[in-house]
C-alpha atoms as a PDB file:
ATOM      1  CA  UNK A   1     123.263  94.460 113.734  1.00  0.00           C
ATOM      2  CA  UNK A   2     124.690  97.084 111.359  1.00  0.00           C
ATOM      3  CA  UNK A   3     126.585  94.444 109.383  1.00  0.00           C
ATOM      4  CA  UNK A   4     123.414  92.344 109.141  1.00  0.00           C
ATOM      5  CA  UNK A   5     121.492  95.366 107.862  1.00  0.00           C
ATOM      6  CA  UNK A   6     124.097  96.026 105.181  1.00  0.00           C
ATOM      7  CA  UNK A   7     124.593  92.473 103.947  1.00  0.00           C
ATOM      8  CA  UNK A   8     121.184  90.904 104.498  1.00  0.00           C
ATOM      9  CA  UNK A   9     118.829  93.773 103.770  1.00  0.00           C
ATOM     10  CA  UNK A  10     120.409  96.619 101.836  1.00  0.00           C
ATOM     11  CA  UNK A  11     122.570  94.444  99.572  1.00  0.00           C
ATOM     12  CA  UNK A  12     119.565  92.323  98.562  1.00  0.00           C
ATOM     13  CA  UNK A  13     116.999  95.108  98.163  1.00  0.00           C
ATOM     14  CA  UNK A  14     118.775  98.495  98.069  1.00  0.00           C
ATOM     15  CA  UNK A  15     115.739 100.366  96.728  1.00  0.00           C
ATOM     16  CA  UNK A  16     113.493  99.080  99.518  1.00  0.00           C
ATOM     17  CA  UNK A  17     115.703  99.988 102.487  1.00  0.00           C
ATOM     18  CA  UNK A  18     116.972 103.404 101.480  1.00  0.00           C
ATOM     19  CA  UNK A  19     115.875 106.830 100.386  1.00  0.00           C
ATOM     20  CA  UNK A  20     117.530 108.534  97.422  1.00  0.00           C
ATOM     21  CA  UNK A  21     118.839 111.950  98.353  1.00  0.00           C
ATOM     22  CA  UNK A  22     118.345 115.059  96.219  1.00  0.00           C
ATOM     23  CA  UNK A  23     120.345 118.211  95.518  1.00  0.00           C
ATOM     24  CA  UNK A  24     124.060 118.093  96.289  1.00  0.00           C
ATOM     25  CA  UNK A  25     123.677 114.459  97.463  1.00  0.00           C
ATOM     26  CA  UNK A  26     121.802 113.296  94.344  1.00  0.00           C
ATOM     27  CA  UNK A  27     122.610 109.685  93.493  1.00  0.00           C
ATOM     28  CA  UNK A  28     123.370 108.791  97.112  1.00  0.00           C
ATOM     29  CA  UNK A  29     121.016 106.480  98.991  1.00  0.00           C
ATOM     30  CA  UNK A  30     120.702 106.595 102.759  1.00  0.00           C
ATOM     31  CA  UNK A  31     119.231 104.070 105.156  1.00  0.00           C
ATOM     32  CA  UNK A  32     118.803 104.553 108.875  1.00  0.00           C
ATOM     33  CA  UNK A  33     118.687 102.197 111.796  1.00  0.00           C
ATOM     34  CA  UNK A  34     118.678 102.299 115.553  1.00  0.00           C
ATOM     35  CA  UNK A  35     121.110 100.165 117.554  1.00  0.00           C
ATOM     36  CA  UNK A  36     121.735 100.361 121.281  1.00  0.00           C
ATOM     37  CA  UNK A  37     119.619 103.540 121.515  1.00  0.00           C
ATOM     38  CA  UNK A  38     121.800 105.294 118.904  1.00  0.00           C
ATOM     39  CA  UNK A  39     120.606 106.383 115.453  1.00  0.00           C
ATOM     40  CA  UNK A  40     122.928 105.350 112.613  1.00  0.00           C
ATOM     41  CA  UNK A  41     122.917 106.189 108.916  1.00  0.00           C
ATOM     42  CA  UNK A  42     124.369 104.145 106.066  1.00  0.00           C
ATOM     43  CA  UNK A  43     125.125 105.823 102.720  1.00  0.00           C
ATOM     44  CA  UNK A  44     125.508 103.892  99.476  1.00  0.00           C
ATOM     45  CA  UNK A  45     125.061 104.192  95.720  1.00  0.00           C
ATOM     46  CA  UNK A  46     123.207 102.029  93.221  1.00  0.00           C
ATOM     47  CA  UNK A  47     124.590 101.689  89.689  1.00  0.00           C
ATOM     48  CA  UNK A  48     123.013  99.472  87.029  1.00  0.00           C
ATOM     49  CA  UNK A  49     120.728  98.002  89.719  1.00  0.00           C
ATOM     50  CA  UNK A  50     123.738  96.849  91.721  1.00  0.00           C
ATOM     51  CA  UNK A  51     124.724  98.069  95.155  1.00  0.00           C
ATOM     52  CA  UNK A  52     127.981  99.992  95.177  1.00  0.00           C
ATOM     53  CA  UNK A  53     130.072  99.568  98.329  1.00  0.00           C
ATOM     54  CA  UNK A  54     129.096 101.549 101.373  1.00  0.00           C
ATOM     55  CA  UNK A  55     130.281 105.146 101.286  1.00  0.00           C
ATOM     56  CA  UNK A  56     129.785 105.929 104.960  1.00  0.00           C
ATOM     57  CA  UNK A  57     128.255 104.416 108.067  1.00  0.00           C
ATOM     58  CA  UNK A  58     128.097 106.593 111.149  1.00  0.00           C
ATOM     59  CA  UNK A  59     125.857 108.023 113.833  1.00  0.00           C
ATOM     60  CA  UNK A  60     123.215 110.471 112.690  1.00  0.00           C
ATOM     61  CA  UNK A  61     124.917 113.474 114.285  1.00  0.00           C
ATOM     62  CA  UNK A  62     127.090 115.171 111.669  1.00  0.00           C
ATOM     63  CA  UNK A  63     126.472 112.358 109.171  1.00  0.00           C
ATOM     64  CA  UNK A  64     125.377 114.482 106.213  1.00  0.00           C
ATOM     65  CA  UNK A  65     128.111 117.067 106.735  1.00  0.00           C
ATOM     66  CA  UNK A  66     130.717 114.300 106.755  1.00  0.00           C
ATOM     67  CA  UNK A  67     129.115 112.631 103.713  1.00  0.00           C
ATOM     68  CA  UNK A  68     129.259 115.858 101.719  1.00  0.00           C
ATOM     69  CA  UNK A  69     132.968 116.236 102.509  1.00  0.00           C
ATOM     70  CA  UNK A  70     133.568 112.614 101.496  1.00  0.00           C
ATOM     71  CA  UNK A  71     131.971 112.847  98.043  1.00  0.00           C
ATOM     72  CA  UNK A  72     133.636 116.118  96.977  1.00  0.00           C
END
């Protein structure tokens, strides 16, 4: 399910499936999905209209804190 979301949806239409973050996460796009009653988030970047590899995919809990540590 998560792999399908990444490769079939986000990779083909990254602007449609994500929301661009602001502030200290500016330039990062995040998409959410629910799988097996668990909320997941997928973070990625878009450069020159191309999807940049996934930065982080994890459950919603602690996601943004972990993402901020990752991009520093």
